[in-house]
N, C-alpha and C. Protein backbone atom coordinates (compact mmCIF):
# COMPACT_ATOMS: atom_id res chain seq x y z
N MET A 1 0.84 -1.18 0.00
CA MET A 1 0.00 0.00 0.00
C MET A 1 0.88 1.23 0.00
N ASP A 2 0.55 2.24 -0.80
CA ASP A 2 1.29 3.49 -0.89
C ASP A 2 1.18 4.25 0.42
N GLN A 3 2.34 4.57 1.03
CA GLN A 3 2.36 5.26 2.32
C GLN A 3 1.73 6.66 2.23
N ASN A 4 1.73 7.29 1.03
CA ASN A 4 1.19 8.63 0.87
C ASN A 4 -0.32 8.62 0.62
N GLU A 5 -0.83 7.48 0.25
CA GLU A 5 -2.26 7.37 -0.05
C GLU A 5 -3.04 7.16 1.24
N PRO A 6 -4.08 7.97 1.49
CA PRO A 6 -4.86 7.77 2.72
C PRO A 6 -5.56 6.41 2.69
N VAL A 7 -5.57 5.76 3.85
CA VAL A 7 -6.20 4.46 3.97
C VAL A 7 -7.65 4.65 4.39
N ARG A 8 -8.54 3.96 3.71
CA ARG A 8 -9.95 3.95 4.10
C ARG A 8 -10.21 2.58 4.72
N LEU A 9 -10.20 2.54 6.05
CA LEU A 9 -10.32 1.28 6.76
C LEU A 9 -11.57 0.50 6.38
N THR A 10 -12.66 1.20 6.12
CA THR A 10 -13.90 0.50 5.77
C THR A 10 -13.80 -0.23 4.44
N GLN A 11 -12.85 0.17 3.61
CA GLN A 11 -12.67 -0.50 2.31
C GLN A 11 -11.81 -1.75 2.42
N THR A 12 -11.27 -2.00 3.63
CA THR A 12 -10.42 -3.17 3.81
C THR A 12 -11.19 -4.38 4.33
N VAL A 13 -12.50 -4.22 4.57
CA VAL A 13 -13.31 -5.31 5.13
C VAL A 13 -14.57 -5.52 4.30
N LYS A 14 -15.13 -6.73 4.38
CA LYS A 14 -16.36 -7.03 3.64
C LYS A 14 -17.60 -6.57 4.40
N LYS A 15 -17.56 -6.66 5.73
CA LYS A 15 -18.68 -6.23 6.58
C LYS A 15 -18.12 -5.38 7.69
N GLY A 16 -18.77 -4.25 7.95
CA GLY A 16 -18.29 -3.34 8.98
C GLY A 16 -19.06 -3.44 10.27
N GLY A 17 -18.32 -3.39 11.39
CA GLY A 17 -18.92 -3.31 12.71
C GLY A 17 -19.89 -4.42 13.03
N CYS A 18 -21.01 -4.03 13.62
CA CYS A 18 -22.01 -5.01 14.06
C CYS A 18 -22.71 -5.69 12.89
N ALA A 19 -22.58 -5.17 11.68
CA ALA A 19 -23.16 -5.83 10.51
C ALA A 19 -22.51 -7.19 10.28
N ALA A 20 -21.35 -7.39 10.87
CA ALA A 20 -20.66 -8.68 10.73
C ALA A 20 -21.11 -9.70 11.78
N LYS A 21 -21.97 -9.28 12.70
CA LYS A 21 -22.44 -10.21 13.75
C LYS A 21 -23.30 -11.32 13.17
N LEU A 22 -23.23 -12.47 13.81
CA LEU A 22 -24.15 -13.55 13.49
C LEU A 22 -25.51 -13.19 14.10
N PRO A 23 -26.60 -13.57 13.48
CA PRO A 23 -27.93 -13.26 14.03
C PRO A 23 -28.14 -13.89 15.41
N ALA A 24 -28.76 -13.12 16.32
CA ALA A 24 -28.98 -13.59 17.69
C ALA A 24 -29.82 -14.86 17.72
N GLY A 25 -30.82 -14.96 16.85
CA GLY A 25 -31.66 -16.16 16.82
C GLY A 25 -30.86 -17.41 16.50
N MET A 26 -29.92 -17.27 15.57
CA MET A 26 -29.07 -18.40 15.20
C MET A 26 -28.20 -18.82 16.38
N LEU A 27 -27.63 -17.83 17.07
CA LEU A 27 -26.79 -18.15 18.23
C LEU A 27 -27.62 -18.79 19.35
N ARG A 28 -28.81 -18.26 19.58
CA ARG A 28 -29.68 -18.81 20.62
C ARG A 28 -29.96 -20.29 20.35
N GLU A 29 -30.27 -20.61 19.11
CA GLU A 29 -30.57 -21.99 18.74
C GLU A 29 -29.37 -22.91 18.99
N ILE A 30 -28.21 -22.45 18.62
CA ILE A 30 -26.99 -23.25 18.83
C ILE A 30 -26.71 -23.41 20.32
N LEU A 31 -26.81 -22.31 21.07
CA LEU A 31 -26.52 -22.36 22.51
C LEU A 31 -27.50 -23.27 23.25
N GLN A 32 -28.75 -23.29 22.82
CA GLN A 32 -29.75 -24.14 23.47
C GLN A 32 -29.45 -25.62 23.29
N ASN A 33 -28.70 -25.95 22.27
CA ASN A 33 -28.35 -27.35 22.02
C ASN A 33 -27.05 -27.79 22.69
N LEU A 34 -26.37 -26.85 23.33
CA LEU A 34 -25.13 -27.17 24.04
C LEU A 34 -25.44 -27.50 25.50
N LYS A 35 -24.64 -28.34 26.07
CA LYS A 35 -24.77 -28.66 27.49
C LYS A 35 -23.87 -27.70 28.28
N LEU A 36 -24.39 -26.51 28.54
CA LEU A 36 -23.62 -25.48 29.24
C LEU A 36 -23.82 -25.60 30.75
N ASN A 37 -22.74 -25.42 31.49
CA ASN A 37 -22.87 -25.32 32.94
C ASN A 37 -23.62 -24.04 33.27
N LYS A 38 -24.48 -24.10 34.25
CA LYS A 38 -25.22 -22.91 34.68
C LYS A 38 -25.06 -22.77 36.19
N PRO A 39 -23.87 -22.37 36.62
CA PRO A 39 -23.62 -22.23 38.05
C PRO A 39 -24.56 -21.19 38.67
N GLU A 40 -24.88 -21.40 39.91
CA GLU A 40 -25.75 -20.49 40.64
C GLU A 40 -25.18 -19.07 40.70
N ASP A 41 -23.86 -18.96 40.72
CA ASP A 41 -23.23 -17.65 40.82
C ASP A 41 -23.21 -16.86 39.52
N LEU A 42 -23.58 -17.50 38.40
CA LEU A 42 -23.67 -16.79 37.13
C LEU A 42 -25.04 -16.11 37.07
N ILE A 43 -25.07 -14.83 37.35
CA ILE A 43 -26.32 -14.07 37.44
C ILE A 43 -26.85 -13.73 36.05
N VAL A 44 -25.97 -13.26 35.17
CA VAL A 44 -26.32 -12.96 33.78
C VAL A 44 -25.32 -13.70 32.91
N GLY A 45 -25.82 -14.58 32.05
CA GLY A 45 -24.94 -15.37 31.19
C GLY A 45 -25.55 -15.56 29.81
N THR A 46 -25.35 -16.72 29.24
CA THR A 46 -25.76 -16.98 27.86
C THR A 46 -27.29 -17.01 27.67
N ASP A 47 -28.03 -17.23 28.74
CA ASP A 47 -29.49 -17.27 28.62
C ASP A 47 -30.08 -15.98 28.05
N THR A 48 -29.46 -14.86 28.38
CA THR A 48 -29.99 -13.56 27.97
C THR A 48 -29.37 -13.04 26.67
N LEU A 49 -28.36 -13.73 26.16
CA LEU A 49 -27.59 -13.26 24.99
C LEU A 49 -27.10 -11.83 25.19
N ASP A 50 -26.81 -11.50 26.43
CA ASP A 50 -26.31 -10.17 26.75
C ASP A 50 -24.87 -10.04 26.29
N ASP A 51 -24.41 -8.81 26.15
CA ASP A 51 -23.02 -8.58 25.74
C ASP A 51 -22.04 -8.74 26.89
N ALA A 52 -22.54 -8.75 28.12
CA ALA A 52 -21.68 -8.87 29.29
C ALA A 52 -22.27 -9.92 30.22
N CYS A 53 -21.46 -10.35 31.17
CA CYS A 53 -21.96 -11.30 32.16
C CYS A 53 -21.75 -10.73 33.56
N LEU A 54 -22.51 -11.28 34.50
CA LEU A 54 -22.36 -10.95 35.91
C LEU A 54 -22.11 -12.24 36.67
N TRP A 55 -21.08 -12.22 37.50
CA TRP A 55 -20.74 -13.38 38.32
C TRP A 55 -20.72 -12.95 39.77
N LYS A 56 -21.47 -13.63 40.62
CA LYS A 56 -21.50 -13.33 42.04
C LYS A 56 -20.26 -13.93 42.70
N LEU A 57 -19.37 -13.07 43.18
CA LEU A 57 -18.15 -13.54 43.84
C LEU A 57 -18.44 -13.95 45.28
N ASN A 58 -19.26 -13.13 45.95
CA ASN A 58 -19.69 -13.40 47.32
C ASN A 58 -20.92 -12.55 47.57
N ASN A 59 -21.36 -12.43 48.80
CA ASN A 59 -22.58 -11.68 49.09
C ASN A 59 -22.44 -10.18 48.87
N ASN A 60 -21.23 -9.70 48.72
CA ASN A 60 -21.01 -8.26 48.57
C ASN A 60 -20.41 -7.83 47.25
N GLU A 61 -19.94 -8.77 46.44
CA GLU A 61 -19.21 -8.40 45.24
C GLU A 61 -19.68 -9.17 44.01
N LEU A 62 -19.71 -8.46 42.88
CA LEU A 62 -20.03 -9.04 41.58
C LEU A 62 -18.92 -8.73 40.61
N LEU A 63 -18.59 -9.69 39.77
CA LEU A 63 -17.67 -9.47 38.67
C LEU A 63 -18.51 -9.19 37.43
N VAL A 64 -18.20 -8.12 36.72
CA VAL A 64 -18.86 -7.77 35.47
C VAL A 64 -17.79 -7.88 34.38
N GLN A 65 -18.08 -8.65 33.33
CA GLN A 65 -17.09 -8.84 32.28
C GLN A 65 -17.76 -8.87 30.92
N THR A 66 -17.06 -8.33 29.93
CA THR A 66 -17.54 -8.35 28.56
C THR A 66 -16.38 -8.60 27.61
N LEU A 67 -16.72 -9.03 26.42
CA LEU A 67 -15.76 -9.13 25.32
C LEU A 67 -16.50 -8.68 24.08
N ASP A 68 -15.97 -7.69 23.40
CA ASP A 68 -16.62 -7.17 22.20
C ASP A 68 -15.54 -6.80 21.19
N PHE A 69 -15.74 -7.17 19.94
CA PHE A 69 -14.79 -6.79 18.89
C PHE A 69 -15.53 -6.72 17.56
N PHE A 70 -14.99 -5.94 16.64
CA PHE A 70 -15.58 -5.85 15.31
C PHE A 70 -14.61 -5.27 14.31
N THR A 71 -15.05 -5.24 13.08
CA THR A 71 -14.27 -4.68 11.97
C THR A 71 -14.55 -3.17 11.88
N PRO A 72 -13.75 -2.43 11.11
CA PRO A 72 -13.92 -0.98 11.03
C PRO A 72 -15.30 -0.54 10.52
N ILE A 73 -15.81 0.51 11.17
CA ILE A 73 -17.05 1.15 10.73
C ILE A 73 -16.80 2.59 10.32
N VAL A 74 -15.56 3.05 10.49
CA VAL A 74 -15.12 4.38 10.06
C VAL A 74 -13.76 4.23 9.38
N ASP A 75 -13.38 5.23 8.62
CA ASP A 75 -12.11 5.16 7.89
C ASP A 75 -10.90 5.62 8.71
N ASP A 76 -11.10 6.52 9.65
CA ASP A 76 -10.00 7.07 10.42
C ASP A 76 -9.50 6.07 11.47
N PRO A 77 -8.20 5.74 11.45
CA PRO A 77 -7.67 4.74 12.39
C PRO A 77 -7.87 5.12 13.86
N TYR A 78 -7.59 6.36 14.23
CA TYR A 78 -7.75 6.80 15.62
C TYR A 78 -9.21 6.64 16.06
N ASP A 79 -10.12 7.10 15.20
CA ASP A 79 -11.55 7.00 15.54
C ASP A 79 -11.99 5.54 15.67
N PHE A 80 -11.50 4.69 14.79
CA PHE A 80 -11.85 3.27 14.88
C PHE A 80 -11.42 2.68 16.22
N GLY A 81 -10.21 2.99 16.64
CA GLY A 81 -9.74 2.50 17.94
C GLY A 81 -10.59 3.00 19.09
N ALA A 82 -10.94 4.30 19.04
CA ALA A 82 -11.76 4.88 20.10
C ALA A 82 -13.15 4.26 20.12
N ILE A 83 -13.73 4.04 18.95
CA ILE A 83 -15.08 3.46 18.86
C ILE A 83 -15.07 2.01 19.35
N ALA A 84 -14.05 1.26 18.98
CA ALA A 84 -13.97 -0.14 19.42
C ALA A 84 -13.87 -0.21 20.95
N ALA A 85 -13.07 0.65 21.53
CA ALA A 85 -12.94 0.67 22.99
C ALA A 85 -14.25 1.12 23.65
N ALA A 86 -14.85 2.18 23.12
CA ALA A 86 -16.11 2.69 23.69
C ALA A 86 -17.21 1.63 23.61
N ASN A 87 -17.23 0.88 22.54
CA ASN A 87 -18.25 -0.16 22.37
C ASN A 87 -18.16 -1.21 23.47
N ALA A 88 -16.97 -1.67 23.77
CA ALA A 88 -16.79 -2.67 24.83
C ALA A 88 -17.04 -2.05 26.21
N ILE A 89 -16.54 -0.86 26.42
CA ILE A 89 -16.73 -0.18 27.71
C ILE A 89 -18.21 0.04 28.00
N SER A 90 -18.98 0.35 26.96
CA SER A 90 -20.41 0.63 27.15
C SER A 90 -21.15 -0.59 27.69
N ASP A 91 -20.67 -1.78 27.39
CA ASP A 91 -21.29 -3.00 27.93
C ASP A 91 -21.18 -3.04 29.45
N ILE A 92 -20.07 -2.56 29.98
CA ILE A 92 -19.89 -2.52 31.43
C ILE A 92 -20.83 -1.48 32.04
N TYR A 93 -20.92 -0.31 31.41
CA TYR A 93 -21.84 0.72 31.89
C TYR A 93 -23.28 0.21 31.87
N ALA A 94 -23.63 -0.56 30.84
CA ALA A 94 -25.00 -1.07 30.72
C ALA A 94 -25.35 -2.02 31.86
N MET A 95 -24.34 -2.63 32.48
CA MET A 95 -24.56 -3.53 33.60
C MET A 95 -24.45 -2.79 34.94
N GLY A 96 -24.30 -1.47 34.88
CA GLY A 96 -24.22 -0.69 36.10
C GLY A 96 -22.82 -0.60 36.67
N GLY A 97 -21.83 -0.98 35.88
CA GLY A 97 -20.46 -0.99 36.37
C GLY A 97 -19.64 0.20 35.92
N THR A 98 -18.40 0.21 36.37
CA THR A 98 -17.41 1.20 35.98
C THR A 98 -16.18 0.43 35.52
N PRO A 99 -15.76 0.61 34.28
CA PRO A 99 -14.64 -0.17 33.76
C PRO A 99 -13.37 0.00 34.60
N LYS A 100 -12.69 -1.11 34.84
CA LYS A 100 -11.44 -1.06 35.60
C LYS A 100 -10.24 -1.47 34.74
N ILE A 101 -10.35 -2.63 34.07
CA ILE A 101 -9.25 -3.09 33.24
C ILE A 101 -9.79 -3.53 31.88
N ALA A 102 -8.94 -3.40 30.88
CA ALA A 102 -9.28 -3.84 29.53
C ALA A 102 -8.12 -4.66 28.97
N LEU A 103 -8.48 -5.72 28.26
CA LEU A 103 -7.52 -6.52 27.51
C LEU A 103 -7.91 -6.42 26.05
N SER A 104 -6.94 -6.24 25.18
CA SER A 104 -7.25 -6.08 23.75
C SER A 104 -7.27 -7.42 23.03
N ILE A 105 -8.06 -7.46 21.96
CA ILE A 105 -8.05 -8.57 21.01
C ILE A 105 -7.94 -7.91 19.64
N LEU A 106 -6.87 -8.22 18.92
CA LEU A 106 -6.56 -7.54 17.68
C LEU A 106 -6.19 -8.54 16.59
N ALA A 107 -6.82 -8.39 15.44
CA ALA A 107 -6.41 -9.08 14.22
C ALA A 107 -5.99 -7.97 13.26
N PHE A 108 -4.74 -8.01 12.82
CA PHE A 108 -4.21 -6.90 12.01
C PHE A 108 -3.55 -7.43 10.74
N PRO A 109 -3.94 -6.88 9.59
CA PRO A 109 -3.32 -7.30 8.31
C PRO A 109 -1.98 -6.59 8.09
N ALA A 110 -0.93 -7.11 8.71
CA ALA A 110 0.38 -6.48 8.67
C ALA A 110 0.95 -6.38 7.25
N ALA A 111 0.51 -7.25 6.35
CA ALA A 111 1.02 -7.22 4.98
C ALA A 111 0.43 -6.06 4.17
N THR A 112 -0.72 -5.54 4.59
CA THR A 112 -1.38 -4.50 3.79
C THR A 112 -1.55 -3.17 4.51
N LEU A 113 -1.44 -3.15 5.83
CA LEU A 113 -1.57 -1.90 6.58
C LEU A 113 -0.29 -1.65 7.36
N SER A 114 0.09 -0.39 7.48
CA SER A 114 1.36 -0.04 8.13
C SER A 114 1.23 -0.06 9.65
N MET A 115 2.37 -0.19 10.31
CA MET A 115 2.42 -0.13 11.76
C MET A 115 2.03 1.25 12.27
N ASP A 116 2.22 2.29 11.43
CA ASP A 116 1.78 3.64 11.79
C ASP A 116 0.26 3.66 11.98
N ILE A 117 -0.44 2.97 11.09
CA ILE A 117 -1.90 2.89 11.21
C ILE A 117 -2.27 2.16 12.49
N LEU A 118 -1.59 1.07 12.79
CA LEU A 118 -1.85 0.34 14.02
C LEU A 118 -1.62 1.23 15.24
N GLY A 119 -0.56 2.02 15.20
CA GLY A 119 -0.28 2.94 16.30
C GLY A 119 -1.42 3.93 16.51
N LYS A 120 -1.98 4.45 15.43
CA LYS A 120 -3.11 5.39 15.53
C LYS A 120 -4.35 4.69 16.07
N ILE A 121 -4.59 3.48 15.62
CA ILE A 121 -5.75 2.71 16.11
C ILE A 121 -5.64 2.51 17.62
N LEU A 122 -4.47 2.05 18.06
CA LEU A 122 -4.29 1.78 19.48
C LEU A 122 -4.27 3.06 20.32
N SER A 123 -3.79 4.15 19.74
CA SER A 123 -3.81 5.43 20.44
C SER A 123 -5.25 5.88 20.71
N GLY A 124 -6.10 5.75 19.72
CA GLY A 124 -7.51 6.09 19.92
C GLY A 124 -8.16 5.22 20.97
N ALA A 125 -7.83 3.94 20.94
CA ALA A 125 -8.40 3.00 21.93
C ALA A 125 -7.93 3.33 23.33
N VAL A 126 -6.63 3.54 23.50
CA VAL A 126 -6.08 3.83 24.82
C VAL A 126 -6.64 5.14 25.36
N ASP A 127 -6.77 6.15 24.53
CA ASP A 127 -7.36 7.42 24.99
C ASP A 127 -8.77 7.20 25.51
N LYS A 128 -9.56 6.41 24.81
CA LYS A 128 -10.94 6.15 25.23
C LYS A 128 -10.97 5.32 26.51
N ILE A 129 -10.08 4.33 26.61
CA ILE A 129 -9.99 3.52 27.83
C ILE A 129 -9.64 4.39 29.03
N HIS A 130 -8.65 5.27 28.86
CA HIS A 130 -8.25 6.16 29.95
C HIS A 130 -9.38 7.12 30.31
N GLU A 131 -10.09 7.61 29.32
CA GLU A 131 -11.23 8.51 29.56
C GLU A 131 -12.26 7.85 30.47
N SER A 132 -12.42 6.53 30.36
CA SER A 132 -13.39 5.80 31.18
C SER A 132 -12.87 5.56 32.60
N GLY A 133 -11.59 5.80 32.82
CA GLY A 133 -10.99 5.53 34.13
C GLY A 133 -10.35 4.16 34.22
N ALA A 134 -10.41 3.39 33.16
CA ALA A 134 -9.82 2.05 33.15
C ALA A 134 -8.38 2.12 32.61
N CYS A 135 -7.72 0.98 32.63
CA CYS A 135 -6.38 0.90 32.05
C CYS A 135 -6.30 -0.31 31.13
N LEU A 136 -5.45 -0.21 30.13
CA LEU A 136 -5.18 -1.34 29.25
C LEU A 136 -4.15 -2.21 29.96
N ALA A 137 -4.52 -3.47 30.23
CA ALA A 137 -3.68 -4.34 31.04
C ALA A 137 -3.00 -5.45 30.23
N GLY A 138 -3.22 -5.48 28.91
CA GLY A 138 -2.61 -6.51 28.08
C GLY A 138 -3.52 -6.86 26.92
N GLY A 139 -3.31 -8.03 26.37
CA GLY A 139 -4.15 -8.46 25.26
C GLY A 139 -3.45 -9.47 24.37
N HIS A 140 -4.05 -9.67 23.22
CA HIS A 140 -3.53 -10.65 22.27
C HIS A 140 -3.73 -10.13 20.86
N SER A 141 -2.77 -10.41 19.99
CA SER A 141 -2.88 -9.98 18.60
C SER A 141 -2.45 -11.10 17.66
N ILE A 142 -3.04 -11.06 16.47
CA ILE A 142 -2.65 -11.99 15.41
C ILE A 142 -2.53 -11.23 14.10
N ASP A 143 -1.74 -11.77 13.19
CA ASP A 143 -1.67 -11.26 11.83
C ASP A 143 -2.79 -11.95 11.05
N ASP A 144 -3.70 -11.18 10.49
CA ASP A 144 -4.87 -11.73 9.82
C ASP A 144 -5.19 -10.86 8.60
N ASP A 145 -5.91 -11.39 7.66
CA ASP A 145 -6.27 -10.64 6.46
C ASP A 145 -7.29 -9.53 6.72
N THR A 146 -8.08 -9.66 7.79
CA THR A 146 -9.13 -8.69 8.07
C THR A 146 -8.88 -8.02 9.41
N LEU A 147 -8.88 -6.70 9.41
CA LEU A 147 -8.70 -5.91 10.62
C LEU A 147 -9.90 -6.08 11.54
N LYS A 148 -9.61 -6.43 12.79
CA LYS A 148 -10.63 -6.53 13.84
C LYS A 148 -10.00 -6.04 15.13
N LEU A 149 -10.77 -5.32 15.91
CA LEU A 149 -10.27 -4.84 17.20
C LEU A 149 -11.39 -4.89 18.22
N GLY A 150 -11.03 -5.27 19.42
CA GLY A 150 -12.00 -5.27 20.51
C GLY A 150 -11.31 -5.41 21.84
N PHE A 151 -12.14 -5.49 22.86
CA PHE A 151 -11.62 -5.51 24.22
C PHE A 151 -12.48 -6.38 25.12
N SER A 152 -11.81 -7.02 26.05
CA SER A 152 -12.49 -7.63 27.18
C SER A 152 -12.33 -6.62 28.31
N VAL A 153 -13.44 -6.21 28.89
CA VAL A 153 -13.41 -5.19 29.95
C VAL A 153 -14.03 -5.80 31.20
N THR A 154 -13.45 -5.46 32.33
CA THR A 154 -13.87 -6.04 33.60
C THR A 154 -14.08 -4.97 34.66
N ASP A 155 -15.04 -5.24 35.55
CA ASP A 155 -15.29 -4.40 36.70
C ASP A 155 -15.64 -5.28 37.88
N LEU A 156 -15.42 -4.79 39.05
CA LEU A 156 -15.84 -5.44 40.29
C LEU A 156 -16.85 -4.51 40.95
N LEU A 157 -18.09 -4.98 41.07
CA LEU A 157 -19.13 -4.19 41.71
C LEU A 157 -19.23 -4.59 43.17
N ILE A 158 -19.36 -3.60 44.02
CA ILE A 158 -19.58 -3.85 45.44
C ILE A 158 -21.00 -3.39 45.75
N LYS A 159 -21.79 -4.28 46.32
CA LYS A 159 -23.18 -3.95 46.65
C LYS A 159 -23.20 -2.89 47.75
N ILE A 160 -24.13 -1.97 47.61
CA ILE A 160 -24.33 -0.95 48.63
C ILE A 160 -25.78 -1.01 49.08
N LYS A 161 -26.08 -0.44 50.24
CA LYS A 161 -27.43 -0.56 50.80
C LYS A 161 -28.43 0.35 50.10
N HIS A 162 -28.05 1.54 49.71
CA HIS A 162 -28.97 2.48 49.07
C HIS A 162 -28.45 2.83 47.68
N GLY A 163 -29.36 3.06 46.74
CA GLY A 163 -28.97 3.44 45.39
C GLY A 163 -28.29 2.34 44.63
N LEU A 164 -28.82 1.11 44.72
CA LEU A 164 -28.22 -0.02 44.01
C LEU A 164 -28.23 0.20 42.51
N THR A 165 -27.19 -0.23 41.85
CA THR A 165 -27.17 -0.20 40.40
C THR A 165 -28.03 -1.33 39.85
N LEU A 166 -28.32 -1.28 38.56
CA LEU A 166 -29.08 -2.35 37.92
C LEU A 166 -28.42 -3.71 38.16
N ALA A 167 -27.13 -3.77 37.97
CA ALA A 167 -26.40 -5.03 38.16
C ALA A 167 -26.51 -5.51 39.60
N GLN A 168 -26.42 -4.61 40.52
CA GLN A 168 -26.51 -5.00 41.92
C GLN A 168 -27.92 -5.47 42.27
N ASN A 169 -28.93 -4.84 41.71
CA ASN A 169 -30.30 -5.29 41.93
C ASN A 169 -30.49 -6.70 41.39
N LEU A 170 -29.94 -6.99 40.23
CA LEU A 170 -30.05 -8.32 39.65
C LEU A 170 -29.44 -9.37 40.57
N ALA A 171 -28.33 -9.03 41.17
CA ALA A 171 -27.61 -9.98 42.01
C ALA A 171 -28.34 -10.29 43.31
N THR A 172 -29.21 -9.42 43.74
CA THR A 172 -29.91 -9.64 45.00
C THR A 172 -31.16 -10.48 44.82
N HIS A 173 -31.54 -10.76 43.57
CA HIS A 173 -32.77 -11.54 43.31
C HIS A 173 -32.47 -12.96 42.97
């Protein structure tokens, strides 16, 4: 790829963002046929097809965890990184949590995109992660033909007596 030519990330993939997701109905059907463990401490899991899960650690604490990744939905590398991070972080907020740590999952076409582009992607992601108050704690990457980026984000919720969050209310029932 010509270093002087602007890269349009959306042109490097066949399906962008959530358009690449498998249909929820299809996943539900497959999951229903699996013999999945359903521990009592798993408050929110595969039954709801939610983007995040809740695990009861003890009577006072819940673990909130998500994993979300997708292909580019914008052309700008920095913006793509920020959007990918925000997308995963929002799953934690939706469960009533506050992001604490994030691990990256990256598939990067090193043969067709420059490391400068990767740097911009990760810069956007890290800025968004820091904005949420979380930190990037590690991750995994592979060389792949299709660019994909996402994060596993985790929080530890502590139950309080007044003003319970949605996640905390779920855990008490």
